[in-house]
Amino acid sequence: VQNTFYGLTWDVKSVPNAKNVAYTSRHLDFHMDLLYMTEAPKIQLLHCLENSCAGGESRFADTFEAIDRLLSQPEGPGLYSALGNFEIAYSYRNDGHHYQKNRTTISHLPIGIRHYYHNAENFHLMSEIRQIYYSPPFEHHEPKLDARNLKAVTKARRMFEDILQSDGMA
């Protein structure tokens, strides 16, 4: 168990002039938290004690399933390659804290190590995946990619997002 700069626990609530997107009433699409930290959490526990208004539901999606579906698209292997080869910068700056970490959307296992996803359509490529990272609210928009690679990554991430938002994913 590792604490963040928020402490062991914290209250997430909408406040005026919020310095963090978590403290707004703004809808957040699918994302992972704290990807700007060196060791991003694998699991976070969310517990609602009181909700005095409509909304605030948490939805979850299987990002590995989304990548498997992406691989089944006609352009899938090229999109997969873009997500696994080019880094996205995640950044957070607030109240004297500044964190930044660059990550590829798809992180691969070391050569020779595999997970076996027998129920995956594209089990060969899926078995190479270590982790998937995705958090648009905390992306630092300072592209370090040339125009062609930026276009490829943008297209791949757009397709990934479309799959995440599709019926049956949440």
N, C-alpha and C. Protein backbone atom coordinates (compact mmCIF):
# COMPACT_ATOMS: atom_id res chain seq x y z
N VAL A 1 0.85 -1.18 0.00
CA VAL A 1 0.00 0.00 0.00
C VAL A 1 0.89 1.23 0.00
N GLN A 2 0.57 2.17 -0.87
CA GLN A 2 1.37 3.38 -0.96
C GLN A 2 0.44 4.59 -0.96
N ASN A 3 0.74 5.55 -0.12
CA ASN A 3 -0.03 6.79 -0.09
C ASN A 3 0.42 7.71 -1.22
N THR A 4 -0.44 8.62 -1.62
CA THR A 4 -0.07 9.66 -2.55
C THR A 4 0.05 10.96 -1.77
N PHE A 5 0.28 12.06 -2.47
CA PHE A 5 0.35 13.35 -1.80
C PHE A 5 -1.01 13.76 -1.23
N TYR A 6 -2.08 13.03 -1.59
CA TYR A 6 -3.40 13.30 -1.01
C TYR A 6 -3.49 12.76 0.42
N GLY A 7 -2.65 11.79 0.79
CA GLY A 7 -2.72 11.16 2.09
C GLY A 7 -3.31 9.77 1.98
N LEU A 8 -3.62 9.17 3.13
CA LEU A 8 -4.16 7.81 3.15
C LEU A 8 -5.57 7.78 2.55
N THR A 9 -6.39 8.72 2.95
CA THR A 9 -7.75 8.83 2.39
C THR A 9 -8.02 10.29 2.10
N TRP A 10 -9.01 10.55 1.28
CA TRP A 10 -9.41 11.92 1.02
C TRP A 10 -10.84 11.94 0.53
N ASP A 11 -11.49 13.07 0.76
CA ASP A 11 -12.86 13.27 0.31
C ASP A 11 -12.84 13.88 -1.08
N VAL A 12 -13.53 13.25 -1.99
CA VAL A 12 -13.68 13.79 -3.33
C VAL A 12 -15.05 14.43 -3.40
N LYS A 13 -15.06 15.75 -3.59
CA LYS A 13 -16.33 16.46 -3.68
C LYS A 13 -16.15 17.68 -4.57
N SER A 14 -17.24 18.11 -5.13
CA SER A 14 -17.21 19.28 -6.00
C SER A 14 -17.05 20.54 -5.17
N VAL A 15 -16.03 21.34 -5.51
CA VAL A 15 -15.79 22.59 -4.80
C VAL A 15 -15.59 23.71 -5.81
N PRO A 16 -15.95 24.94 -5.45
CA PRO A 16 -15.72 26.07 -6.37
C PRO A 16 -14.23 26.27 -6.63
N ASN A 17 -13.88 26.71 -7.83
CA ASN A 17 -12.50 26.99 -8.21
C ASN A 17 -11.56 25.82 -7.92
N ALA A 18 -12.00 24.63 -8.24
CA ALA A 18 -11.22 23.42 -7.96
C ALA A 18 -9.88 23.46 -8.69
N LYS A 19 -8.84 23.00 -8.01
CA LYS A 19 -7.50 22.93 -8.60
C LYS A 19 -7.24 21.56 -9.23
N ASN A 20 -8.16 20.65 -9.07
CA ASN A 20 -8.01 19.30 -9.59
C ASN A 20 -9.34 18.87 -10.19
N VAL A 21 -9.30 18.20 -11.32
CA VAL A 21 -10.50 17.78 -12.03
C VAL A 21 -11.36 16.86 -11.16
N ALA A 22 -10.76 16.15 -10.20
CA ALA A 22 -11.52 15.26 -9.31
C ALA A 22 -12.47 16.03 -8.41
N TYR A 23 -12.20 17.30 -8.19
CA TYR A 23 -13.04 18.09 -7.29
C TYR A 23 -14.01 18.99 -8.05
N THR A 24 -14.36 18.58 -9.24
CA THR A 24 -15.35 19.30 -10.03
C THR A 24 -16.54 18.37 -10.27
N SER A 25 -17.62 18.93 -10.78
CA SER A 25 -18.78 18.11 -11.13
C SER A 25 -18.72 17.71 -12.61
N ARG A 26 -17.59 18.00 -13.24
CA ARG A 26 -17.40 17.68 -14.65
C ARG A 26 -17.37 16.17 -14.87
N HIS A 27 -18.02 15.72 -15.94
CA HIS A 27 -18.00 14.30 -16.29
C HIS A 27 -16.59 13.91 -16.72
N LEU A 28 -16.12 12.81 -16.21
CA LEU A 28 -14.82 12.27 -16.62
C LEU A 28 -15.06 10.98 -17.38
N ASP A 29 -14.59 10.94 -18.61
CA ASP A 29 -14.66 9.70 -19.36
C ASP A 29 -13.66 8.71 -18.77
N PHE A 30 -13.56 7.54 -19.38
CA PHE A 30 -12.65 6.53 -18.88
C PHE A 30 -11.24 7.09 -18.79
N HIS A 31 -10.59 6.79 -17.68
CA HIS A 31 -9.21 7.21 -17.45
C HIS A 31 -8.65 6.40 -16.29
N MET A 32 -7.35 6.43 -16.14
CA MET A 32 -6.67 5.82 -15.00
C MET A 32 -6.04 6.96 -14.20
N ASP A 33 -6.03 6.80 -12.90
CA ASP A 33 -5.51 7.85 -12.04
C ASP A 33 -4.01 7.70 -11.80
N LEU A 34 -3.38 8.83 -11.57
CA LEU A 34 -1.99 8.93 -11.09
C LEU A 34 -0.95 8.36 -12.05
N LEU A 35 -1.22 8.41 -13.35
CA LEU A 35 -0.23 7.91 -14.32
C LEU A 35 0.99 8.80 -14.39
N TYR A 36 0.95 9.97 -13.83
CA TYR A 36 2.10 10.88 -13.81
C TYR A 36 3.09 10.49 -12.72
N MET A 37 2.73 9.56 -11.85
CA MET A 37 3.64 9.11 -10.80
C MET A 37 4.51 7.97 -11.34
N THR A 38 5.70 7.81 -10.77
CA THR A 38 6.61 6.77 -11.21
C THR A 38 5.96 5.40 -11.10
N GLU A 39 5.33 5.12 -9.99
CA GLU A 39 4.62 3.85 -9.79
C GLU A 39 3.13 4.15 -9.73
N ALA A 40 2.47 4.01 -10.85
CA ALA A 40 1.02 4.23 -10.88
C ALA A 40 0.33 3.07 -10.16
N PRO A 41 -0.75 3.37 -9.45
CA PRO A 41 -1.43 2.29 -8.71
C PRO A 41 -2.05 1.26 -9.66
N LYS A 42 -2.02 0.04 -9.24
CA LYS A 42 -2.69 -1.02 -9.99
C LYS A 42 -4.16 -1.09 -9.57
N ILE A 43 -4.41 -0.82 -8.29
CA ILE A 43 -5.76 -0.88 -7.74
C ILE A 43 -5.97 0.34 -6.84
N GLN A 44 -7.13 0.96 -6.97
CA GLN A 44 -7.57 1.99 -6.04
C GLN A 44 -8.95 1.59 -5.56
N LEU A 45 -9.23 1.88 -4.32
CA LEU A 45 -10.55 1.58 -3.78
C LEU A 45 -11.33 2.88 -3.64
N LEU A 46 -12.50 2.90 -4.21
CA LEU A 46 -13.38 4.05 -4.12
C LEU A 46 -14.59 3.65 -3.29
N HIS A 47 -14.95 4.48 -2.35
CA HIS A 47 -16.07 4.16 -1.47
C HIS A 47 -16.89 5.42 -1.27
N CYS A 48 -18.16 5.36 -1.61
CA CYS A 48 -19.04 6.52 -1.46
C CYS A 48 -19.76 6.42 -0.12
N LEU A 49 -19.55 7.42 0.73
CA LEU A 49 -20.25 7.47 2.01
C LEU A 49 -21.58 8.20 1.90
N GLU A 50 -21.59 9.23 1.05
CA GLU A 50 -22.81 10.03 0.90
C GLU A 50 -22.80 10.68 -0.47
N ASN A 51 -23.93 10.61 -1.13
CA ASN A 51 -24.09 11.30 -2.40
C ASN A 51 -25.40 12.05 -2.34
N SER A 52 -25.32 13.37 -2.25
CA SER A 52 -26.50 14.19 -2.06
C SER A 52 -27.09 14.71 -3.37
N CYS A 53 -26.58 14.23 -4.50
CA CYS A 53 -27.10 14.70 -5.78
C CYS A 53 -27.12 13.55 -6.78
N ALA A 54 -27.75 13.81 -7.91
CA ALA A 54 -27.77 12.80 -8.97
C ALA A 54 -26.39 12.75 -9.64
N GLY A 55 -26.03 11.58 -10.14
CA GLY A 55 -24.76 11.44 -10.83
C GLY A 55 -23.68 10.90 -9.93
N GLY A 56 -22.46 10.92 -10.44
CA GLY A 56 -21.32 10.47 -9.66
C GLY A 56 -21.04 8.98 -9.78
N GLU A 57 -21.73 8.31 -10.71
CA GLU A 57 -21.50 6.89 -10.87
C GLU A 57 -20.08 6.62 -11.38
N SER A 58 -19.57 5.49 -10.96
CA SER A 58 -18.28 5.03 -11.48
C SER A 58 -18.54 3.92 -12.48
N ARG A 59 -17.87 4.00 -13.61
CA ARG A 59 -17.96 2.96 -14.63
C ARG A 59 -16.56 2.40 -14.85
N PHE A 60 -16.50 1.15 -15.20
CA PHE A 60 -15.23 0.49 -15.43
C PHE A 60 -15.28 -0.21 -16.78
N ALA A 61 -14.14 -0.27 -17.44
CA ALA A 61 -14.04 -0.96 -18.72
C ALA A 61 -12.76 -1.79 -18.73
N ASP A 62 -12.79 -2.87 -19.46
CA ASP A 62 -11.65 -3.77 -19.59
C ASP A 62 -10.77 -3.26 -20.74
N THR A 63 -9.65 -2.62 -20.41
CA THR A 63 -8.79 -2.06 -21.45
C THR A 63 -8.11 -3.14 -22.28
N PHE A 64 -7.89 -4.30 -21.70
CA PHE A 64 -7.31 -5.40 -22.47
C PHE A 64 -8.30 -5.87 -23.53
N GLU A 65 -9.57 -5.95 -23.18
CA GLU A 65 -10.60 -6.30 -24.16
C GLU A 65 -10.66 -5.24 -25.25
N ALA A 66 -10.53 -3.98 -24.88
CA ALA A 66 -10.56 -2.89 -25.87
C ALA A 66 -9.39 -3.03 -26.85
N ILE A 67 -8.22 -3.36 -26.36
CA ILE A 67 -7.06 -3.55 -27.25
C ILE A 67 -7.28 -4.76 -28.15
N ASP A 68 -7.84 -5.83 -27.62
CA ASP A 68 -8.13 -7.01 -28.43
C ASP A 68 -9.11 -6.65 -29.55
N ARG A 69 -10.13 -5.85 -29.24
CA ARG A 69 -11.08 -5.41 -30.26
C ARG A 69 -10.39 -4.49 -31.28
N LEU A 70 -9.49 -3.64 -30.81
CA LEU A 70 -8.75 -2.76 -31.71
C LEU A 70 -7.93 -3.58 -32.70
N LEU A 71 -7.29 -4.64 -32.20
CA LEU A 71 -6.49 -5.51 -33.06
C LEU A 71 -7.33 -6.20 -34.13
N SER A 72 -8.61 -6.36 -33.89
CA SER A 72 -9.50 -7.02 -34.86
C SER A 72 -9.96 -6.09 -35.96
N GLN A 73 -9.65 -4.80 -35.85
CA GLN A 73 -10.00 -3.84 -36.89
C GLN A 73 -9.04 -4.00 -38.07
N PRO A 74 -9.47 -3.60 -39.29
CA PRO A 74 -8.56 -3.72 -40.45
C PRO A 74 -7.20 -3.07 -40.24
N GLU A 75 -7.17 -1.92 -39.56
CA GLU A 75 -5.90 -1.22 -39.32
C GLU A 75 -5.30 -1.58 -37.96
N GLY A 76 -5.86 -2.57 -37.30
CA GLY A 76 -5.50 -2.91 -35.93
C GLY A 76 -4.03 -3.07 -35.64
N PRO A 77 -3.29 -3.88 -36.39
CA PRO A 77 -1.87 -4.05 -36.06
C PRO A 77 -1.07 -2.74 -36.10
N GLY A 78 -1.35 -1.87 -37.05
CA GLY A 78 -0.66 -0.58 -37.12
C GLY A 78 -1.03 0.32 -35.95
N LEU A 79 -2.31 0.31 -35.57
CA LEU A 79 -2.76 1.10 -34.42
C LEU A 79 -2.12 0.58 -33.13
N TYR A 80 -2.09 -0.74 -33.00
CA TYR A 80 -1.46 -1.39 -31.85
C TYR A 80 0.01 -0.98 -31.75
N SER A 81 0.69 -0.99 -32.88
CA SER A 81 2.10 -0.61 -32.92
C SER A 81 2.29 0.84 -32.46
N ALA A 82 1.44 1.74 -32.93
CA ALA A 82 1.54 3.15 -32.52
C ALA A 82 1.35 3.29 -31.01
N LEU A 83 0.40 2.56 -30.44
CA LEU A 83 0.14 2.64 -29.00
C LEU A 83 1.26 2.05 -28.17
N GLY A 84 2.03 1.13 -28.75
CA GLY A 84 3.10 0.49 -28.00
C GLY A 84 4.48 1.09 -28.22
N ASN A 85 4.59 2.01 -29.17
CA ASN A 85 5.93 2.54 -29.50
C ASN A 85 6.14 4.01 -29.18
N PHE A 86 5.07 4.76 -29.00
CA PHE A 86 5.23 6.20 -28.81
C PHE A 86 4.67 6.64 -27.47
N GLU A 87 5.46 7.42 -26.75
CA GLU A 87 5.10 7.82 -25.39
C GLU A 87 4.17 9.02 -25.35
N ILE A 88 3.34 9.02 -24.32
CA ILE A 88 2.47 10.13 -23.97
C ILE A 88 3.00 10.69 -22.66
N ALA A 89 3.06 12.00 -22.53
CA ALA A 89 3.51 12.62 -21.28
C ALA A 89 2.31 12.88 -20.38
N TYR A 90 2.36 12.36 -19.17
CA TYR A 90 1.34 12.61 -18.15
C TYR A 90 1.94 13.55 -17.12
N SER A 91 1.17 14.55 -16.73
CA SER A 91 1.73 15.57 -15.85
C SER A 91 0.68 16.07 -14.87
N TYR A 92 1.14 16.45 -13.69
CA TYR A 92 0.26 17.05 -12.67
C TYR A 92 1.07 18.07 -11.89
N ARG A 93 0.51 19.26 -11.76
CA ARG A 93 1.14 20.33 -10.99
C ARG A 93 0.05 20.99 -10.15
N ASN A 94 0.24 20.98 -8.82
CA ASN A 94 -0.76 21.55 -7.92
C ASN A 94 -0.15 21.71 -6.53
N ASP A 95 -0.38 22.85 -5.92
CA ASP A 95 0.02 23.11 -4.53
C ASP A 95 1.46 22.70 -4.23
N GLY A 96 2.38 23.05 -5.11
CA GLY A 96 3.79 22.75 -4.88
C GLY A 96 4.21 21.35 -5.26
N HIS A 97 3.29 20.55 -5.71
CA HIS A 97 3.62 19.19 -6.16
C HIS A 97 3.69 19.19 -7.67
N HIS A 98 4.72 18.55 -8.21
CA HIS A 98 4.80 18.40 -9.67
C HIS A 98 5.31 17.01 -9.98
N TYR A 99 4.53 16.32 -10.77
CA TYR A 99 4.88 14.97 -11.18
C TYR A 99 4.77 14.89 -12.69
N GLN A 100 5.64 14.13 -13.31
CA GLN A 100 5.53 13.88 -14.75
C GLN A 100 6.15 12.53 -15.05
N LYS A 101 5.48 11.79 -15.92
CA LYS A 101 5.96 10.49 -16.34
C LYS A 101 5.53 10.26 -17.77
N ASN A 102 6.45 9.83 -18.61
CA ASN A 102 6.12 9.47 -19.99
C ASN A 102 5.88 7.97 -20.05
N ARG A 103 4.81 7.60 -20.75
CA ARG A 103 4.46 6.19 -20.87
C ARG A 103 3.89 5.92 -22.25
N THR A 104 4.13 4.74 -22.77
CA THR A 104 3.40 4.30 -23.95
C THR A 104 2.03 3.85 -23.47
N THR A 105 1.03 3.92 -24.34
CA THR A 105 -0.30 3.46 -23.96
C THR A 105 -0.27 1.96 -23.67
N ILE A 106 0.45 1.22 -24.48
CA ILE A 106 0.63 -0.22 -24.25
C ILE A 106 2.06 -0.46 -23.82
N SER A 107 2.23 -1.05 -22.65
CA SER A 107 3.54 -1.44 -22.15
C SER A 107 3.70 -2.95 -22.39
N HIS A 108 4.83 -3.33 -22.93
CA HIS A 108 5.06 -4.74 -23.26
C HIS A 108 5.90 -5.44 -22.20
N LEU A 109 5.67 -6.72 -22.09
CA LEU A 109 6.48 -7.57 -21.22
C LEU A 109 7.87 -7.73 -21.82
N PRO A 110 8.86 -8.05 -20.99
CA PRO A 110 10.19 -8.33 -21.54
C PRO A 110 10.12 -9.51 -22.52
N ILE A 111 11.00 -9.52 -23.49
CA ILE A 111 11.04 -10.60 -24.48
C ILE A 111 11.21 -11.94 -23.76
N GLY A 112 10.42 -12.90 -24.17
CA GLY A 112 10.49 -14.23 -23.58
C GLY A 112 9.49 -14.47 -22.46
N ILE A 113 8.89 -13.41 -21.95
CA ILE A 113 7.86 -13.55 -20.90
C ILE A 113 6.52 -13.25 -21.55
N ARG A 114 5.53 -14.09 -21.25
CA ARG A 114 4.21 -13.91 -21.85
C ARG A 114 3.12 -14.23 -20.83
N HIS A 115 1.99 -13.53 -20.98
CA HIS A 115 0.74 -13.91 -20.32
C HIS A 115 -0.06 -14.60 -21.42
N TYR A 116 -0.81 -15.58 -21.07
CA TYR A 116 -1.61 -16.25 -22.10
C TYR A 116 -3.07 -15.91 -21.92
N TYR A 117 -3.62 -15.23 -22.90
CA TYR A 117 -5.02 -14.84 -22.93
C TYR A 117 -5.72 -15.77 -23.92
N HIS A 118 -6.12 -16.92 -23.44
CA HIS A 118 -6.72 -17.92 -24.31
C HIS A 118 -8.05 -17.48 -24.89
N ASN A 119 -8.75 -16.57 -24.22
CA ASN A 119 -10.05 -16.12 -24.71
C ASN A 119 -9.94 -14.88 -25.61
N ALA A 120 -8.75 -14.41 -25.87
CA ALA A 120 -8.55 -13.25 -26.73
C ALA A 120 -8.58 -13.68 -28.20
N GLU A 121 -9.16 -12.84 -29.03
CA GLU A 121 -9.16 -13.10 -30.48
C GLU A 121 -7.74 -13.06 -31.04
N ASN A 122 -6.95 -12.14 -30.52
CA ASN A 122 -5.58 -11.91 -31.00
C ASN A 122 -4.59 -12.30 -29.91
N PHE A 123 -4.70 -13.55 -29.44
CA PHE A 123 -3.98 -13.98 -28.25
C PHE A 123 -2.47 -13.84 -28.38
N HIS A 124 -1.92 -13.96 -29.59
CA HIS A 124 -0.47 -13.86 -29.75
C HIS A 124 0.04 -12.48 -29.33
N LEU A 125 -0.55 -11.41 -29.88
CA LEU A 125 -0.12 -10.05 -29.51
C LEU A 125 -0.58 -9.69 -28.10
N MET A 126 -1.76 -10.13 -27.73
CA MET A 126 -2.27 -9.83 -26.38
C MET A 126 -1.37 -10.42 -25.30
N SER A 127 -0.73 -11.54 -25.58
CA SER A 127 0.13 -12.20 -24.59
C SER A 127 1.40 -11.41 -24.31
N GLU A 128 1.71 -10.42 -25.14
CA GLU A 128 2.91 -9.59 -24.96
C GLU A 128 2.66 -8.37 -24.07
N ILE A 129 1.40 -8.08 -23.75
CA ILE A 129 1.06 -6.84 -23.04
C ILE A 129 1.29 -7.00 -21.54
N ARG A 130 2.01 -6.03 -20.99
CA ARG A 130 2.22 -5.96 -19.54
C ARG A 130 1.15 -5.11 -18.89
N GLN A 131 0.93 -3.92 -19.44
CA GLN A 131 0.01 -2.95 -18.83
C GLN A 131 -0.51 -2.02 -19.90
N ILE A 132 -1.67 -1.44 -19.66
CA ILE A 132 -2.23 -0.43 -20.54
C ILE A 132 -2.42 0.83 -19.71
N TYR A 133 -1.98 1.96 -20.25
CA TYR A 133 -2.06 3.25 -19.56
C TYR A 133 -2.89 4.22 -20.40
N TYR A 134 -3.87 4.87 -19.76
CA TYR A 134 -4.73 5.79 -20.50
C TYR A 134 -5.37 6.79 -19.54
N SER A 135 -5.05 8.05 -19.70
CA SER A 135 -5.61 9.08 -18.83
C SER A 135 -5.61 10.45 -19.51
N PRO A 136 -6.51 10.67 -20.47
CA PRO A 136 -6.53 11.95 -21.18
C PRO A 136 -6.60 13.19 -20.28
N PRO A 137 -7.30 13.17 -19.13
CA PRO A 137 -7.33 14.41 -18.33
C PRO A 137 -5.97 14.88 -17.83
N PHE A 138 -4.98 14.00 -17.81
CA PHE A 138 -3.68 14.36 -17.27
C PHE A 138 -2.56 14.29 -18.30
N GLU A 139 -2.93 14.26 -19.56
CA GLU A 139 -1.91 14.29 -20.60
C GLU A 139 -1.33 15.69 -20.70
N HIS A 140 -0.04 15.73 -20.81
CA HIS A 140 0.68 16.99 -20.98
C HIS A 140 0.86 17.20 -22.48
N HIS A 141 0.22 18.19 -23.00
CA HIS A 141 0.17 18.37 -24.45
C HIS A 141 1.38 19.12 -24.99
N GLU A 142 2.49 18.45 -24.97
CA GLU A 142 3.71 18.97 -25.58
C GLU A 142 4.28 17.84 -26.41
N PRO A 143 3.70 17.65 -27.61
CA PRO A 143 4.10 16.48 -28.39
C PRO A 143 5.57 16.50 -28.75
N LYS A 144 6.19 15.35 -28.56
CA LYS A 144 7.59 15.20 -28.94
C LYS A 144 7.70 14.26 -30.13
N LEU A 145 6.59 14.09 -30.84
CA LEU A 145 6.56 13.22 -32.00
C LEU A 145 6.54 14.06 -33.26
N ASP A 146 7.12 13.53 -34.32
CA ASP A 146 6.99 14.23 -35.58
C ASP A 146 5.54 14.12 -36.05
N ALA A 147 5.18 14.91 -37.05
CA ALA A 147 3.78 15.02 -37.48
C ALA A 147 3.18 13.68 -37.87
N ARG A 148 3.94 12.85 -38.57
CA ARG A 148 3.41 11.55 -39.02
C ARG A 148 3.11 10.63 -37.84
N ASN A 149 4.05 10.55 -36.89
CA ASN A 149 3.84 9.68 -35.73
C ASN A 149 2.76 10.24 -34.81
N LEU A 150 2.68 11.56 -34.67
CA LEU A 150 1.63 12.17 -33.87
C LEU A 150 0.26 11.84 -34.46
N LYS A 151 0.16 11.87 -35.77
CA LYS A 151 -1.09 11.53 -36.44
C LYS A 151 -1.45 10.06 -36.18
N ALA A 152 -0.48 9.17 -36.24
CA ALA A 152 -0.72 7.74 -36.02
C ALA A 152 -1.18 7.47 -34.58
N VAL A 153 -0.51 8.09 -33.61
CA VAL A 153 -0.87 7.90 -32.20
C VAL A 153 -2.26 8.48 -31.94
N THR A 154 -2.53 9.66 -32.48
CA THR A 154 -3.84 10.28 -32.30
C THR A 154 -4.95 9.41 -32.86
N LYS A 155 -4.75 8.87 -34.04
CA LYS A 155 -5.74 7.99 -34.66
C LYS A 155 -5.95 6.72 -33.82
N ALA A 156 -4.86 6.14 -33.35
CA ALA A 156 -4.94 4.91 -32.55
C ALA A 156 -5.66 5.15 -31.24
N ARG A 157 -5.34 6.25 -30.57
CA ARG A 157 -5.98 6.55 -29.29
C ARG A 157 -7.45 6.91 -29.48
N ARG A 158 -7.78 7.56 -30.58
CA ARG A 158 -9.18 7.87 -30.88
C ARG A 158 -9.99 6.58 -31.08
N MET A 159 -9.42 5.64 -31.81
CA MET A 159 -10.08 4.35 -32.03
C MET A 159 -10.22 3.59 -30.71
N PHE A 160 -9.16 3.61 -29.90
CA PHE A 160 -9.20 2.97 -28.58
C PHE A 160 -10.32 3.57 -27.74
N GLU A 161 -10.42 4.89 -27.71
CA GLU A 161 -11.48 5.57 -26.95
C GLU A 161 -12.85 5.20 -27.48
N ASP A 162 -13.02 5.16 -28.79
CA ASP A 162 -14.31 4.78 -29.39
C ASP A 162 -14.71 3.37 -28.95
N ILE A 163 -13.75 2.46 -28.90
CA ILE A 163 -14.03 1.10 -28.46
C ILE A 163 -14.41 1.09 -26.99
N LEU A 164 -13.67 1.83 -26.17
CA LEU A 164 -14.01 1.90 -24.74
C LEU A 164 -15.44 2.39 -24.52
N GLN A 165 -15.87 3.34 -25.33
CA GLN A 165 -17.21 3.93 -25.17
C GLN A 165 -18.31 3.11 -25.84
N SER A 166 -17.95 2.07 -26.58
CA SER A 166 -18.95 1.29 -27.33
C SER A 166 -19.79 0.41 -26.41
N ASP A 167 -20.91 -0.02 -26.93
CA ASP A 167 -21.83 -0.90 -26.19
C ASP A 167 -21.11 -2.17 -25.74
N GLY A 168 -21.40 -2.58 -24.55
CA GLY A 168 -20.84 -3.81 -24.03
C GLY A 168 -19.49 -3.68 -23.36
N MET A 169 -18.87 -2.52 -23.40
CA MET A 169 -17.55 -2.35 -22.78
C MET A 169 -17.65 -1.97 -21.30
N ALA A 170 -18.64 -1.20 -20.92
CA ALA A 170 -18.72 -0.74 -19.52
C ALA A 170 -19.61 -1.65 -18.71
